[in-house]
Amino acid sequence: MIIDCDACVMDGTGACADCIVPMLLAATGSPTRIGDDEELAIRNLSEAGLVSPIRLVARGPGRGAATG
């Protein structure tokens, strides 16, 4: 999965306040690829209430892919 706020339809909305993606991007400053294991770990931690969920919603073609 490629995480990138610019490729998310929720960018700039209230959903950003409860999304782990901005925190993950703060470390790199650019779109970042996370592997299946990392994505699963984040989802498991989120389901346990320990971290915010991945609220990334991919834009259509033309603005970059949010998942891959």
PDB file of N, CA and C in Angstrom:
ATOM      1  N   MET A   1       0.848  -1.164   0.000  1.00  0.00           N
ATOM      2  CA  MET A   1       0.000   0.000   0.000  1.00  0.00           C
ATOM      3  C   MET A   1       0.897   1.231   0.000  1.00  0.00           C
ATOM      4  N   ILE A   2       0.571   2.181  -0.863  1.00  0.00           N
ATOM      5  CA  ILE A   2       1.268   3.460  -0.866  1.00  0.00           C
ATOM      6  C   ILE A   2       0.398   4.447  -0.116  1.00  0.00           C
ATOM      7  N   ILE A   3       0.951   5.056   0.922  1.00  0.00           N
ATOM      8  CA  ILE A   3       0.193   6.032   1.681  1.00  0.00           C
ATOM      9  C   ILE A   3       0.635   7.429   1.284  1.00  0.00           C
ATOM     10  N   ASP A   4      -0.342   8.256   0.953  1.00  0.00           N
ATOM     11  CA  ASP A   4      -0.069   9.604   0.469  1.00  0.00           C
ATOM     12  C   ASP A   4      -1.340  10.423   0.659  1.00  0.00           C
ATOM     13  N   CYS A   5      -1.292  11.424   1.521  1.00  0.00           N
ATOM     14  CA  CYS A   5      -2.483  12.243   1.774  1.00  0.00           C
ATOM     15  C   CYS A   5      -2.992  12.918   0.505  1.00  0.00           C
ATOM     16  N   ASP A   6      -2.089  13.309  -0.390  1.00  0.00           N
ATOM     17  CA  ASP A   6      -2.504  13.964  -1.631  1.00  0.00           C
ATOM     18  C   ASP A   6      -3.309  13.041  -2.539  1.00  0.00           C
ATOM     19  N   ALA A   7      -3.209  11.739  -2.330  1.00  0.00           N
ATOM     20  CA  ALA A   7      -3.931  10.776  -3.153  1.00  0.00           C
ATOM     21  C   ALA A   7      -5.211  10.303  -2.474  1.00  0.00           C
ATOM     22  N   CYS A   8      -5.600  10.977  -1.396  1.00  0.00           N
ATOM     23  CA  CYS A   8      -6.769  10.569  -0.616  1.00  0.00           C
ATOM     24  C   CYS A   8      -7.902  11.567  -0.784  1.00  0.00           C
ATOM     25  N   VAL A   9      -9.107  11.070  -1.033  1.00  0.00           N
ATOM     26  CA  VAL A   9     -10.266  11.952  -1.186  1.00  0.00           C
ATOM     27  C   VAL A   9     -10.638  12.614   0.137  1.00  0.00           C
ATOM     28  N   MET A  10     -10.172  12.104   1.236  1.00  0.00           N
ATOM     29  CA  MET A  10     -10.489  12.661   2.545  1.00  0.00           C
ATOM     30  C   MET A  10      -9.492  13.747   2.970  1.00  0.00           C
ATOM     31  N   ASP A  11      -8.476  14.019   2.163  1.00  0.00           N
ATOM     32  CA  ASP A  11      -7.456  15.008   2.494  1.00  0.00           C
ATOM     33  C   ASP A  11      -8.098  16.357   2.808  1.00  0.00           C
ATOM     34  N   GLY A  12      -7.727  16.936   3.934  1.00  0.00           N
ATOM     35  CA  GLY A  12      -8.232  18.240   4.328  1.00  0.00           C
ATOM     36  C   GLY A  12      -9.587  18.215   5.012  1.00  0.00           C
ATOM     37  N   THR A  13     -10.079  17.031   5.346  1.00  0.00           N
ATOM     38  CA  THR A  13     -11.369  16.913   6.032  1.00  0.00           C
ATOM     39  C   THR A  13     -11.138  16.553   7.495  1.00  0.00           C
ATOM     40  N   GLY A  14     -12.197  16.473   8.242  1.00  0.00           N
ATOM     41  CA  GLY A  14     -12.102  16.094   9.644  1.00  0.00           C
ATOM     42  C   GLY A  14     -11.582  14.691   9.864  1.00  0.00           C
ATOM     43  N   ALA A  15     -11.651  13.851   8.841  1.00  0.00           N
ATOM     44  CA  ALA A  15     -11.165  12.479   8.969  1.00  0.00           C
ATOM     45  C   ALA A  15      -9.657  12.428   9.219  1.00  0.00           C
ATOM     46  N   CYS A  16      -8.947  13.461   8.788  1.00  0.00           N
ATOM     47  CA  CYS A  16      -7.489  13.489   8.938  1.00  0.00           C
ATOM     48  C   CYS A  16      -7.068  13.478  10.408  1.00  0.00           C
ATOM     49  N   ALA A  17      -7.896  14.067  11.269  1.00  0.00           N
ATOM     50  CA  ALA A  17      -7.565  14.139  12.690  1.00  0.00           C
ATOM     51  C   ALA A  17      -7.555  12.766  13.345  1.00  0.00           C
ATOM     52  N   ASP A  18      -8.262  11.807  12.760  1.00  0.00           N
ATOM     53  CA  ASP A  18      -8.334  10.459  13.315  1.00  0.00           C
ATOM     54  C   ASP A  18      -7.787   9.439  12.320  1.00  0.00           C
ATOM     55  N   CYS A  19      -6.674   9.778  11.691  1.00  0.00           N
ATOM     56  CA  CYS A  19      -6.052   8.896  10.706  1.00  0.00           C
ATOM     57  C   CYS A  19      -4.574   8.771  11.024  1.00  0.00           C
ATOM     58  N   ILE A  20      -4.046   7.584  10.907  1.00  0.00           N
ATOM     59  CA  ILE A  20      -2.635   7.354  11.202  1.00  0.00           C
ATOM     60  C   ILE A  20      -1.708   7.816  10.069  1.00  0.00           C
ATOM     61  N   VAL A  21      -2.247   7.993   8.866  1.00  0.00           N
ATOM     62  CA  VAL A  21      -1.411   8.333   7.713  1.00  0.00           C
ATOM     63  C   VAL A  21      -0.614   9.616   7.907  1.00  0.00           C
ATOM     64  N   PRO A  22      -1.211  10.738   8.365  1.00  0.00           N
ATOM     65  CA  PRO A  22      -0.388  11.942   8.555  1.00  0.00           C
ATOM     66  C   PRO A  22       0.779  11.722   9.511  1.00  0.00           C
ATOM     67  N   MET A  23       0.566  10.927  10.557  1.00  0.00           N
ATOM     68  CA  MET A  23       1.653  10.630  11.490  1.00  0.00           C
ATOM     69  C   MET A  23       2.753   9.818  10.809  1.00  0.00           C
ATOM     70  N   LEU A  24       2.376   8.859   9.993  1.00  0.00           N
ATOM     71  CA  LEU A  24       3.376   8.055   9.290  1.00  0.00           C
ATOM     72  C   LEU A  24       4.146   8.899   8.277  1.00  0.00           C
ATOM     73  N   LEU A  25       3.461   9.810   7.594  1.00  0.00           N
ATOM     74  CA  LEU A  25       4.110  10.654   6.591  1.00  0.00           C
ATOM     75  C   LEU A  25       4.996  11.719   7.226  1.00  0.00           C
ATOM     76  N   ALA A  26       4.711  12.104   8.455  1.00  0.00           N
ATOM     77  CA  ALA A  26       5.532  13.114   9.129  1.00  0.00           C
ATOM     78  C   ALA A  26       6.982  12.646   9.253  1.00  0.00           C
ATOM     79  N   ALA A  27       7.181  11.364   9.356  1.00  0.00           N
ATOM     80  CA  ALA A  27       8.537  10.820   9.495  1.00  0.00           C
ATOM     81  C   ALA A  27       9.315  10.877   8.185  1.00  0.00           C
ATOM     82  N   THR A  28       8.626  10.781   7.058  1.00  0.00           N
ATOM     83  CA  THR A  28       9.313  10.723   5.772  1.00  0.00           C
ATOM     84  C   THR A  28       9.144  11.987   4.945  1.00  0.00           C
ATOM     85  N   GLY A  29       8.012  12.670   5.110  1.00  0.00           N
ATOM     86  CA  GLY A  29       7.736  13.874   4.344  1.00  0.00           C
ATOM     87  C   GLY A  29       7.331  13.618   2.903  1.00  0.00           C
ATOM     88  N   SER A  30       7.126  12.373   2.543  1.00  0.00           N
ATOM     89  CA  SER A  30       6.747  12.044   1.173  1.00  0.00           C
ATOM     90  C   SER A  30       5.922  10.755   1.175  1.00  0.00           C
ATOM     91  N   PRO A  31       5.239  10.473   0.061  1.00  0.00           N
ATOM     92  CA  PRO A  31       4.485   9.216  -0.014  1.00  0.00           C
ATOM     93  C   PRO A  31       5.367   8.035   0.367  1.00  0.00           C
ATOM     94  N   THR A  32       4.773   7.107   1.054  1.00  0.00           N
ATOM     95  CA  THR A  32       5.525   5.985   1.603  1.00  0.00           C
ATOM     96  C   THR A  32       4.823   4.682   1.288  1.00  0.00           C
ATOM     97  N   ARG A  33       5.588   3.672   0.962  1.00  0.00           N
ATOM     98  CA  ARG A  33       5.025   2.335   0.736  1.00  0.00           C
ATOM     99  C   ARG A  33       5.173   1.537   2.032  1.00  0.00           C
ATOM    100  N   ILE A  34       4.059   0.933   2.449  1.00  0.00           N
ATOM    101  CA  ILE A  34       4.126   0.010   3.576  1.00  0.00           C
ATOM    102  C   ILE A  34       3.747  -1.363   3.057  1.00  0.00           C
ATOM    103  N   GLY A  35       4.377  -2.361   3.601  1.00  0.00           N
ATOM    104  CA  GLY A  35       4.132  -3.732   3.173  1.00  0.00           C
ATOM    105  C   GLY A  35       2.868  -4.310   3.792  1.00  0.00           C
ATOM    106  N   ASP A  36       2.504  -5.471   3.316  1.00  0.00           N
ATOM    107  CA  ASP A  36       1.302  -6.139   3.813  1.00  0.00           C
ATOM    108  C   ASP A  36       1.388  -6.405   5.312  1.00  0.00           C
ATOM    109  N   ASP A  37       2.569  -6.790   5.805  1.00  0.00           N
ATOM    110  CA  ASP A  37       2.736  -7.068   7.230  1.00  0.00           C
ATOM    111  C   ASP A  37       2.531  -5.806   8.063  1.00  0.00           C
ATOM    112  N   GLU A  38       3.080  -4.672   7.594  1.00  0.00           N
ATOM    113  CA  GLU A  38       2.921  -3.411   8.311  1.00  0.00           C
ATOM    114  C   GLU A  38       1.466  -2.953   8.293  1.00  0.00           C
ATOM    115  N   GLU A  39       0.814  -3.112   7.133  1.00  0.00           N
ATOM    116  CA  GLU A  39      -0.591  -2.731   7.033  1.00  0.00           C
ATOM    117  C   GLU A  39      -1.443  -3.564   7.990  1.00  0.00           C
ATOM    118  N   LEU A  40      -1.196  -4.859   8.046  1.00  0.00           N
ATOM    119  CA  LEU A  40      -1.930  -5.737   8.951  1.00  0.00           C
ATOM    120  C   LEU A  40      -1.674  -5.355  10.404  1.00  0.00           C
ATOM    121  N   ALA A  41      -0.431  -5.039  10.737  1.00  0.00           N
ATOM    122  CA  ALA A  41      -0.095  -4.645  12.108  1.00  0.00           C
ATOM    123  C   ALA A  41      -0.845  -3.374  12.503  1.00  0.00           C
ATOM    124  N   ILE A  42      -0.874  -2.390  11.599  1.00  0.00           N
ATOM    125  CA  ILE A  42      -1.593  -1.144  11.884  1.00  0.00           C
ATOM    126  C   ILE A  42      -3.081  -1.426  12.057  1.00  0.00           C
ATOM    127  N   ARG A  43      -3.646  -2.254  11.193  1.00  0.00           N
ATOM    128  CA  ARG A  43      -5.073  -2.585  11.310  1.00  0.00           C
ATOM    129  C   ARG A  43      -5.362  -3.304  12.631  1.00  0.00           C
ATOM    130  N   ASN A  44      -4.499  -4.223  13.029  1.00  0.00           N
ATOM    131  CA  ASN A  44      -4.694  -4.936  14.299  1.00  0.00           C
ATOM    132  C   ASN A  44      -4.592  -3.988  15.486  1.00  0.00           C
ATOM    133  N   LEU A  45      -3.598  -3.097  15.467  1.00  0.00           N
ATOM    134  CA  LEU A  45      -3.455  -2.115  16.550  1.00  0.00           C
ATOM    135  C   LEU A  45      -4.660  -1.182  16.598  1.00  0.00           C
ATOM    136  N   SER A  46      -5.157  -0.804  15.427  1.00  0.00           N
ATOM    137  CA  SER A  46      -6.322   0.069  15.354  1.00  0.00           C
ATOM    138  C   SER A  46      -7.564  -0.614  15.916  1.00  0.00           C
ATOM    139  N   GLU A  47      -7.772  -1.863  15.540  1.00  0.00           N
ATOM    140  CA  GLU A  47      -8.931  -2.607  16.029  1.00  0.00           C
ATOM    141  C   GLU A  47      -8.888  -2.777  17.546  1.00  0.00           C
ATOM    142  N   ALA A  48      -7.668  -2.798  18.108  1.00  0.00           N
ATOM    143  CA  ALA A  48      -7.503  -2.899  19.559  1.00  0.00           C
ATOM    144  C   ALA A  48      -7.614  -1.538  20.239  1.00  0.00           C
ATOM    145  N   GLY A  49      -7.770  -0.468  19.446  1.00  0.00           N
ATOM    146  CA  GLY A  49      -7.907   0.875  19.997  1.00  0.00           C
ATOM    147  C   GLY A  49      -6.600   1.525  20.393  1.00  0.00           C
ATOM    148  N   LEU A  50      -5.479   0.998  19.907  1.00  0.00           N
ATOM    149  CA  LEU A  50      -4.165   1.513  20.306  1.00  0.00           C
ATOM    150  C   LEU A  50      -3.640   2.611  19.388  1.00  0.00           C
ATOM    151  N   VAL A  51      -4.062   2.638  18.141  1.00  0.00           N
ATOM    152  CA  VAL A  51      -3.656   3.688  17.195  1.00  0.00           C
ATOM    153  C   VAL A  51      -4.861   4.049  16.337  1.00  0.00           C
ATOM    154  N   SER A  52      -4.782   5.212  15.716  1.00  0.00           N
ATOM    155  CA  SER A  52      -5.833   5.612  14.776  1.00  0.00           C
ATOM    156  C   SER A  52      -5.802   4.688  13.564  1.00  0.00           C
ATOM    157  N   PRO A  53      -6.943   4.508  12.906  1.00  0.00           N
ATOM    158  CA  PRO A  53      -6.979   3.632  11.731  1.00  0.00           C
ATOM    159  C   PRO A  53      -6.397   4.306  10.489  1.00  0.00           C
ATOM    160  N   ILE A  54      -6.175   3.506   9.474  1.00  0.00           N
ATOM    161  CA  ILE A  54      -5.820   4.025   8.155  1.00  0.00           C
ATOM    162  C   ILE A  54      -7.147   4.426   7.507  1.00  0.00           C
ATOM    163  N   ARG A  55      -7.370   5.710   7.353  1.00  0.00           N
ATOM    164  CA  ARG A  55      -8.626   6.198   6.776  1.00  0.00           C
ATOM    165  C   ARG A  55      -8.445   6.605   5.320  1.00  0.00           C
ATOM    166  N   LEU A  56      -7.367   6.163   4.715  1.00  0.00           N
ATOM    167  CA  LEU A  56      -7.036   6.508   3.338  1.00  0.00           C
ATOM    168  C   LEU A  56      -8.102   5.989   2.373  1.00  0.00           C
ATOM    169  N   VAL A  57      -8.638   6.886   1.555  1.00  0.00           N
ATOM    170  CA  VAL A  57      -9.614   6.536   0.521  1.00  0.00           C
ATOM    171  C   VAL A  57      -9.018   7.009  -0.796  1.00  0.00           C
ATOM    172  N   ALA A  58      -8.669   6.071  -1.652  1.00  0.00           N
ATOM    173  CA  ALA A  58      -7.960   6.398  -2.893  1.00  0.00           C
ATOM    174  C   ALA A  58      -8.798   7.254  -3.823  1.00  0.00           C
ATOM    175  N   ARG A  59      -8.136   8.267  -4.404  1.00  0.00           N
ATOM    176  CA  ARG A  59      -8.764   9.069  -5.463  1.00  0.00           C
ATOM    177  C   ARG A  59      -8.811   8.221  -6.721  1.00  0.00           C
ATOM    178  N   GLY A  60      -9.595   8.640  -7.680  1.00  0.00           N
ATOM    179  CA  GLY A  60      -9.658   7.957  -8.967  1.00  0.00           C
ATOM    180  C   GLY A  60      -8.369   8.191  -9.747  1.00  0.00           C
ATOM    181  N   PRO A  61      -8.248   7.611 -10.918  1.00  0.00           N
ATOM    182  CA  PRO A  61      -7.052   7.789 -11.747  1.00  0.00           C
ATOM    183  C   PRO A  61      -6.797   9.269 -12.033  1.00  0.00           C
ATOM    184  N   GLY A  62      -5.520   9.609 -12.128  1.00  0.00           N
ATOM    185  CA  GLY A  62      -5.144  10.970 -12.448  1.00  0.00           C
ATOM    186  C   GLY A  62      -4.539  11.735 -11.303  1.00  0.00           C
ATOM    187  N   ARG A  63      -4.810  11.327 -10.045  1.00  0.00           N
ATOM    188  CA  ARG A  63      -4.228  12.016  -8.907  1.00  0.00           C
ATOM    189  C   ARG A  63      -3.260  11.111  -8.160  1.00  0.00           C
ATOM    190  N   GLY A  64      -2.894  10.002  -8.721  1.00  0.00           N
ATOM    191  CA  GLY A  64      -1.984   9.087  -8.040  1.00  0.00           C
ATOM    192  C   GLY A  64      -2.755   7.988  -7.355  1.00  0.00           C
ATOM    193  N   ALA A  65      -2.113   6.881  -7.192  1.00  0.00           N
ATOM    194  CA  ALA A  65      -2.756   5.742  -6.556  1.00  0.00           C
ATOM    195  C   ALA A  65      -2.462   5.758  -5.070  1.00  0.00           C
ATOM    196  N   ALA A  66      -3.458   5.535  -4.265  1.00  0.00           N
ATOM    197  CA  ALA A  66      -3.277   5.490  -2.822  1.00  0.00           C
ATOM    198  C   ALA A  66      -2.979   4.073  -2.358  1.00  0.00           C
ATOM    199  N   THR A  67      -3.357   3.103  -3.140  1.00  0.00           N
ATOM    200  CA  THR A  67      -3.054   1.728  -2.777  1.00  0.00           C
ATOM    201  C   THR A  67      -2.318   1.074  -3.919  1.00  0.00           C
ATOM    202  N   GLY A  68      -1.527   0.103  -3.602  1.00  0.00           N
ATOM    203  CA  GLY A  68      -0.814  -0.551  -4.677  1.00  0.00           C
ATOM    204  C   GLY A  68      -0.007  -1.711  -4.243  1.00  0.00           C
TER     205      GLY A  68
END
